[in-house]
Every structure is written in structure tokens, then in C-alpha cells.
């Protein structure tokens, strides 16, 4: 009976040791899991920041593109014959009509 009790105690000690080892391993796995999640969040935030920067740059480029397009449209209209017909009267003064006044000479 003593031998059976000793074998049971030895087996219980092994089980308790395995439980401790399992607890340590699970804690390490949880620690690695937390670290991976933290790093993933950092990477996600960095990517979102980079996407916002690229989006802002594209918006600025688009504004510049439309400004240049508008300026070129106005310049091409002004230079065109139709634009010249409209703008020339606005920029030049109409010529004054020449009047001939009769001159009176006094003969004495």
C-alpha cells in the first residue's frame, strides 16, 4: 500500500509540475499575443496616417490642376478670334466722330 501511495504522490507531483509549466507557457503565449496585437495597431495607425498624407497631396495636386485648366481656358478664349471681338471694344475707346464746323470769315 505504501508503494501505491508513493506512486500516486509521484504522479500528482508530475501533474502539478506540468500544470505549472502549462501556466508559464500560457502566460508566455498571452504575452506574445498582446505584443503582436500592439504592434499590429501601431502598423495600422502608421498606414492610416500615410494614406491621409497621400490623400492630402492628391487633393492639392487636383486643385492646382483645375486652377491651371481654368487659367488656360480663359487665356485661350481671350486669344481666340471670338474673344478678341468681345474684348477689343472693352479695351479701346470708341473714336470720336469728327465734326466739321463752318468757319465764318468777316470781310470788311
N, C-alpha and C. Protein backbone atom coordinates (compact mmCIF):
# COMPACT_ATOMS: atom_id res chain seq x y z
N UNK A 1 0.82 -1.18 0.00
CA UNK A 1 0.00 0.00 0.00
C UNK A 1 0.87 1.26 0.00
N UNK A 2 1.97 1.16 0.69
CA UNK A 2 2.90 2.27 0.76
C UNK A 2 3.44 2.60 -0.63
N UNK A 3 3.72 1.57 -1.39
CA UNK A 3 4.25 1.78 -2.73
C UNK A 3 3.20 2.43 -3.64
N UNK A 4 1.95 2.04 -3.47
CA UNK A 4 0.88 2.62 -4.28
C UNK A 4 0.71 4.09 -3.92
N UNK A 5 0.73 4.39 -2.62
CA UNK A 5 0.62 5.79 -2.19
C UNK A 5 1.79 6.61 -2.72
N UNK A 6 2.97 6.06 -2.70
CA UNK A 6 4.15 6.76 -3.21
C UNK A 6 4.03 7.01 -4.71
N UNK A 7 3.52 6.01 -5.44
CA UNK A 7 3.36 6.17 -6.89
C UNK A 7 2.31 7.23 -7.20
N UNK A 8 1.23 7.23 -6.38
CA UNK A 8 0.19 8.24 -6.58
C UNK A 8 0.74 9.63 -6.30
N UNK A 9 1.48 9.77 -5.21
CA UNK A 9 2.08 11.07 -4.87
C UNK A 9 3.06 11.52 -5.96
N UNK A 10 3.86 10.60 -6.46
CA UNK A 10 4.80 10.94 -7.52
C UNK A 10 4.05 11.40 -8.77
N UNK A 11 3.00 10.68 -9.09
CA UNK A 11 2.19 11.06 -10.27
C UNK A 11 1.54 12.44 -10.07
N UNK A 12 1.03 12.70 -8.86
CA UNK A 12 0.42 14.01 -8.55
C UNK A 12 1.44 15.13 -8.67
N UNK A 13 2.67 14.86 -8.21
CA UNK A 13 3.72 15.88 -8.31
C UNK A 13 4.02 16.19 -9.78
N UNK A 14 4.04 15.16 -10.62
CA UNK A 14 4.28 15.37 -12.05
C UNK A 14 3.15 16.20 -12.66
N UNK A 15 1.92 15.87 -12.28
CA UNK A 15 0.76 16.61 -12.81
C UNK A 15 0.83 18.06 -12.37
N UNK A 16 1.16 18.29 -11.09
CA UNK A 16 1.27 19.67 -10.57
C UNK A 16 2.39 20.40 -11.30
N UNK A 17 3.52 19.75 -11.52
CA UNK A 17 4.62 20.36 -12.25
C UNK A 17 4.21 20.69 -13.69
N UNK A 18 3.49 19.79 -14.32
CA UNK A 18 3.02 20.04 -15.69
C UNK A 18 2.04 21.20 -15.72
N UNK A 19 1.20 21.29 -14.70
CA UNK A 19 0.26 22.42 -14.62
C UNK A 19 1.01 23.75 -14.48
N UNK A 20 2.08 23.74 -13.67
CA UNK A 20 2.89 24.96 -13.52
C UNK A 20 3.55 25.32 -14.85
N UNK A 21 4.10 24.33 -15.49
CA UNK A 21 4.75 24.56 -16.79
C UNK A 21 3.72 25.07 -17.80
N UNK A 22 2.54 24.45 -17.80
CA UNK A 22 1.48 24.90 -18.71
C UNK A 22 1.09 26.34 -18.41
N UNK A 23 0.99 26.69 -17.13
CA UNK A 23 0.62 28.05 -16.76
C UNK A 23 1.67 29.04 -17.26
N UNK A 24 2.94 28.71 -17.11
CA UNK A 24 4.02 29.57 -17.59
C UNK A 24 3.96 29.70 -19.11
N UNK A 25 3.74 28.58 -19.80
CA UNK A 25 3.67 28.61 -21.26
C UNK A 25 2.46 29.43 -21.74
N UNK A 26 1.32 29.24 -21.09
CA UNK A 26 0.14 30.02 -21.47
C UNK A 26 0.36 31.51 -21.23
N UNK A 27 1.04 31.85 -20.15
CA UNK A 27 1.34 33.25 -19.87
C UNK A 27 2.25 33.82 -20.96
N UNK A 28 3.24 33.03 -21.38
CA UNK A 28 4.13 33.50 -22.44
C UNK A 28 3.37 33.66 -23.76
N UNK A 29 2.47 32.73 -24.06
CA UNK A 29 1.67 32.83 -25.28
C UNK A 29 0.79 34.08 -25.22
N UNK A 30 0.18 34.34 -24.09
CA UNK A 30 -0.65 35.55 -23.93
C UNK A 30 0.19 36.81 -24.08
N UNK A 31 1.39 36.79 -23.53
CA UNK A 31 2.28 37.94 -23.64
C UNK A 31 2.64 38.20 -25.10
N UNK A 32 2.98 37.15 -25.83
CA UNK A 32 3.31 37.29 -27.26
C UNK A 32 2.08 37.78 -28.02
N UNK A 33 0.92 37.28 -27.68
CA UNK A 33 -0.32 37.69 -28.34
C UNK A 33 -0.58 39.19 -28.13
N UNK A 34 -0.41 39.66 -26.90
CA UNK A 34 -0.58 41.09 -26.62
C UNK A 34 0.41 41.94 -27.40
N UNK A 35 1.66 41.48 -27.46
CA UNK A 35 2.70 42.22 -28.18
C UNK A 35 2.39 42.28 -29.68
N UNK A 36 1.94 41.16 -30.24
CA UNK A 36 1.58 41.13 -31.67
C UNK A 36 0.42 42.08 -31.93
N UNK A 37 -0.59 42.07 -31.08
CA UNK A 37 -1.73 42.98 -31.26
C UNK A 37 -1.30 44.44 -31.14
N UNK A 38 -0.41 44.73 -30.20
CA UNK A 38 0.06 46.11 -30.04
C UNK A 38 0.83 46.56 -31.28
N UNK A 39 1.69 45.71 -31.79
CA UNK A 39 2.46 46.05 -32.99
C UNK A 39 1.53 46.20 -34.19
N UNK A 40 0.53 45.34 -34.28
CA UNK A 40 -0.42 45.42 -35.40
C UNK A 40 -1.17 46.75 -35.36
N UNK A 41 -1.55 47.21 -34.17
CA UNK A 41 -2.22 48.51 -34.04
C UNK A 41 -1.30 49.65 -34.44
N UNK A 42 -0.03 49.57 -34.06
CA UNK A 42 0.94 50.60 -34.45
C UNK A 42 1.08 50.65 -35.97
N UNK A 43 1.18 49.49 -36.59
CA UNK A 43 1.31 49.43 -38.05
C UNK A 43 0.06 49.98 -38.71
N UNK A 44 -1.10 49.63 -38.18
CA UNK A 44 -2.37 50.10 -38.74
C UNK A 44 -2.46 51.62 -38.65
N UNK A 45 -2.09 52.19 -37.51
CA UNK A 45 -2.12 53.65 -37.35
C UNK A 45 -1.15 54.32 -38.31
N UNK A 46 0.04 53.73 -38.47
CA UNK A 46 1.03 54.29 -39.40
C UNK A 46 0.51 54.26 -40.84
N UNK A 47 -0.12 53.18 -41.22
CA UNK A 47 -0.67 53.07 -42.58
C UNK A 47 -1.79 54.09 -42.79
N UNK A 48 -2.66 54.24 -41.80
CA UNK A 48 -3.75 55.23 -41.92
C UNK A 48 -3.18 56.64 -42.05
N UNK A 49 -2.14 56.95 -41.28
CA UNK A 49 -1.50 58.27 -41.36
C UNK A 49 -0.91 58.49 -42.76
N UNK A 50 -0.23 57.47 -43.29
CA UNK A 50 0.36 57.59 -44.62
C UNK A 50 -0.71 57.77 -45.69
N UNK A 51 -1.82 57.06 -45.56
CA UNK A 51 -2.92 57.19 -46.52
C UNK A 51 -3.49 58.60 -46.48
N UNK A 52 -3.66 59.16 -45.29
CA UNK A 52 -4.17 60.54 -45.18
C UNK A 52 -3.20 61.53 -45.82
N UNK A 53 -1.89 61.33 -45.63
CA UNK A 53 -0.90 62.22 -46.24
C UNK A 53 -0.97 62.16 -47.76
N UNK A 54 -1.05 60.96 -48.30
CA UNK A 54 -1.14 60.80 -49.76
C UNK A 54 -2.43 61.44 -50.28
N UNK A 55 -3.54 61.24 -49.57
CA UNK A 55 -4.81 61.81 -49.97
C UNK A 55 -4.74 63.34 -49.98
N UNK A 56 -4.12 63.93 -48.96
CA UNK A 56 -3.97 65.39 -48.92
C UNK A 56 -3.12 65.88 -50.09
N UNK A 57 -2.05 65.18 -50.39
CA UNK A 57 -1.20 65.59 -51.52
C UNK A 57 -1.97 65.50 -52.83
N UNK A 58 -2.76 64.46 -53.00
CA UNK A 58 -3.55 64.32 -54.23
C UNK A 58 -4.58 65.44 -54.34
N UNK A 59 -5.19 65.82 -53.23
CA UNK A 59 -6.17 66.92 -53.26
C UNK A 59 -5.50 68.22 -53.67
N UNK A 60 -4.31 68.48 -53.14
CA UNK A 60 -3.57 69.70 -53.51
C UNK A 60 -3.23 69.67 -54.99
N UNK A 61 -2.75 68.53 -55.49
CA UNK A 61 -2.42 68.42 -56.91
C UNK A 61 -3.66 68.61 -57.78
N UNK A 62 -4.79 68.07 -57.34
CA UNK A 62 -6.02 68.22 -58.11
C UNK A 62 -6.47 69.68 -58.16
N UNK A 63 -6.35 70.39 -57.04
CA UNK A 63 -6.71 71.81 -57.03
C UNK A 63 -5.82 72.60 -57.99
N UNK A 64 -4.52 72.33 -57.95
CA UNK A 64 -3.60 73.01 -58.85
C UNK A 64 -3.93 72.70 -60.31
N UNK A 65 -4.25 71.43 -60.59
CA UNK A 65 -4.56 71.03 -61.95
C UNK A 65 -5.79 71.79 -62.47
N UNK A 66 -6.85 71.87 -61.65
CA UNK A 66 -8.06 72.58 -62.08
C UNK A 66 -7.82 74.08 -62.20
N UNK A 67 -6.96 74.64 -61.36
CA UNK A 67 -6.63 76.06 -61.49
C UNK A 67 -5.91 76.33 -62.80
N UNK A 68 -4.95 75.48 -63.13
CA UNK A 68 -4.22 75.63 -64.39
C UNK A 68 -5.16 75.43 -65.57
N UNK A 69 -6.05 74.46 -65.49
CA UNK A 69 -7.02 74.23 -66.56
C UNK A 69 -7.90 75.46 -66.76
N UNK A 70 -8.38 76.05 -65.68
CA UNK A 70 -9.21 77.25 -65.78
C UNK A 70 -8.45 78.42 -66.39
N UNK A 71 -7.21 78.61 -65.94
CA UNK A 71 -6.40 79.70 -66.47
C UNK A 71 -6.14 79.52 -67.97
N UNK A 72 -5.82 78.30 -68.37
CA UNK A 72 -5.60 78.03 -69.79
C UNK A 72 -6.87 78.23 -70.61
N UNK A 73 -8.01 77.88 -70.05
CA UNK A 73 -9.27 78.08 -70.76
C UNK A 73 -9.53 79.57 -70.99
N UNK A 74 -9.30 80.37 -69.96
CA UNK A 74 -9.51 81.82 -70.08
C UNK A 74 -8.54 82.42 -71.08
N UNK A 75 -7.27 82.02 -71.00
CA UNK A 75 -6.27 82.57 -71.93
C UNK A 75 -6.61 82.17 -73.36
N UNK A 76 -7.01 80.92 -73.58
CA UNK A 76 -7.31 80.50 -74.95
C UNK A 76 -8.55 81.23 -75.48
N UNK A 77 -9.51 81.55 -74.63
CA UNK A 77 -10.67 82.32 -75.07
C UNK A 77 -10.27 83.74 -75.42
N UNK A 78 -9.44 84.35 -74.61
CA UNK A 78 -9.02 85.73 -74.87
C UNK A 78 -8.24 85.82 -76.17
N UNK A 79 -7.41 84.86 -76.45
CA UNK A 79 -6.57 84.87 -77.65
C UNK A 79 -7.37 84.51 -78.90
N UNK A 80 -8.46 83.80 -78.75
CA UNK A 80 -9.24 83.36 -79.92
C UNK A 80 -9.89 84.55 -80.63
N UNK A 81 -10.25 84.40 -81.90
CA UNK A 81 -10.90 85.48 -82.64
C UNK A 81 -12.22 85.91 -81.99
N UNK A 82 -12.97 84.97 -81.48
CA UNK A 82 -14.24 85.33 -80.82
C UNK A 82 -13.96 86.17 -79.59
N UNK A 83 -12.98 85.78 -78.82
CA UNK A 83 -12.62 86.55 -77.62
C UNK A 83 -12.12 87.93 -77.98
N UNK A 84 -11.37 88.04 -79.07
CA UNK A 84 -10.86 89.34 -79.50
C UNK A 84 -12.01 90.28 -79.87
N UNK A 85 -13.04 89.74 -80.52
CA UNK A 85 -14.18 90.58 -80.90
C UNK A 85 -14.91 91.10 -79.67
N UNK A 86 -14.94 90.30 -78.62
CA UNK A 86 -15.64 90.73 -77.41
C UNK A 86 -14.77 91.67 -76.57
N UNK A 87 -13.51 91.39 -76.48
CA UNK A 87 -12.65 92.15 -75.58
C UNK A 87 -12.15 93.45 -76.19
N UNK A 88 -11.90 93.49 -77.49
CA UNK A 88 -11.36 94.69 -78.12
C UNK A 88 -12.22 95.93 -77.85
N UNK A 89 -13.54 95.88 -77.99
CA UNK A 89 -14.33 97.08 -77.69
C UNK A 89 -14.25 97.49 -76.22
N UNK A 90 -14.02 96.56 -75.35
CA UNK A 90 -13.93 96.90 -73.93
C UNK A 90 -12.62 97.59 -73.59
N UNK A 91 -11.58 97.29 -74.33
CA UNK A 91 -10.26 97.82 -74.02
C UNK A 91 -9.93 99.10 -74.77
N UNK A 92 -10.57 99.36 -75.87
CA UNK A 92 -10.27 100.57 -76.64
C UNK A 92 -11.43 101.54 -76.55
N UNK A 93 -11.09 102.81 -76.58
CA UNK A 93 -12.13 103.83 -76.55
C UNK A 93 -12.68 104.02 -77.96
N UNK A 94 -13.97 104.22 -78.07
CA UNK A 94 -14.52 104.44 -79.41
C UNK A 94 -13.98 105.76 -79.97
N UNK A 95 -13.68 105.79 -81.24
CA UNK A 95 -13.16 107.04 -81.81
C UNK A 95 -14.25 108.11 -81.82
N UNK A 96 -13.83 109.33 -81.55
CA UNK A 96 -14.80 110.43 -81.56
C UNK A 96 -15.11 110.78 -83.01
N UNK A 97 -16.34 111.13 -83.20
CA UNK A 97 -16.75 111.50 -84.56
C UNK A 97 -16.14 112.86 -84.88
N UNK A 98 -15.62 112.92 -86.05
CA UNK A 98 -15.03 114.19 -86.48
C UNK A 98 -16.14 115.09 -86.99
N UNK A 99 -16.14 116.30 -86.53
CA UNK A 99 -17.16 117.26 -87.00
C UNK A 99 -16.46 118.41 -87.68
N UNK A 100 -17.08 118.84 -88.75
CA UNK A 100 -16.55 119.99 -89.46
C UNK A 100 -17.43 121.17 -89.12
N UNK A 101 -16.82 122.16 -88.58
CA UNK A 101 -17.61 123.34 -88.24
C UNK A 101 -17.39 124.41 -89.32
N UNK A 102 -18.47 125.05 -89.71
CA UNK A 102 -18.32 126.06 -90.74
C UNK A 102 -17.52 127.23 -90.19
N UNK A 103 -16.65 127.68 -90.94
CA UNK A 103 -15.88 128.83 -90.49
C UNK A 103 -16.45 130.09 -91.15
N UNK A 104 -16.64 131.04 -90.35
CA UNK A 104 -17.19 132.30 -90.83
C UNK A 104 -16.04 133.29 -90.92
N UNK A 105 -15.91 133.89 -92.07
CA UNK A 105 -14.86 134.89 -92.23
C UNK A 105 -15.53 136.25 -92.39
N UNK A 106 -15.08 137.17 -91.74
CA UNK A 106 -15.62 138.52 -91.81
C UNK A 106 -14.84 139.30 -92.89
N UNK A 107 -15.58 139.73 -93.81
CA UNK A 107 -14.94 140.51 -94.87
C UNK A 107 -15.38 141.96 -94.63
N UNK A 108 -14.54 142.80 -94.52
CA UNK A 108 -14.87 144.21 -94.34
C UNK A 108 -14.38 145.04 -95.47
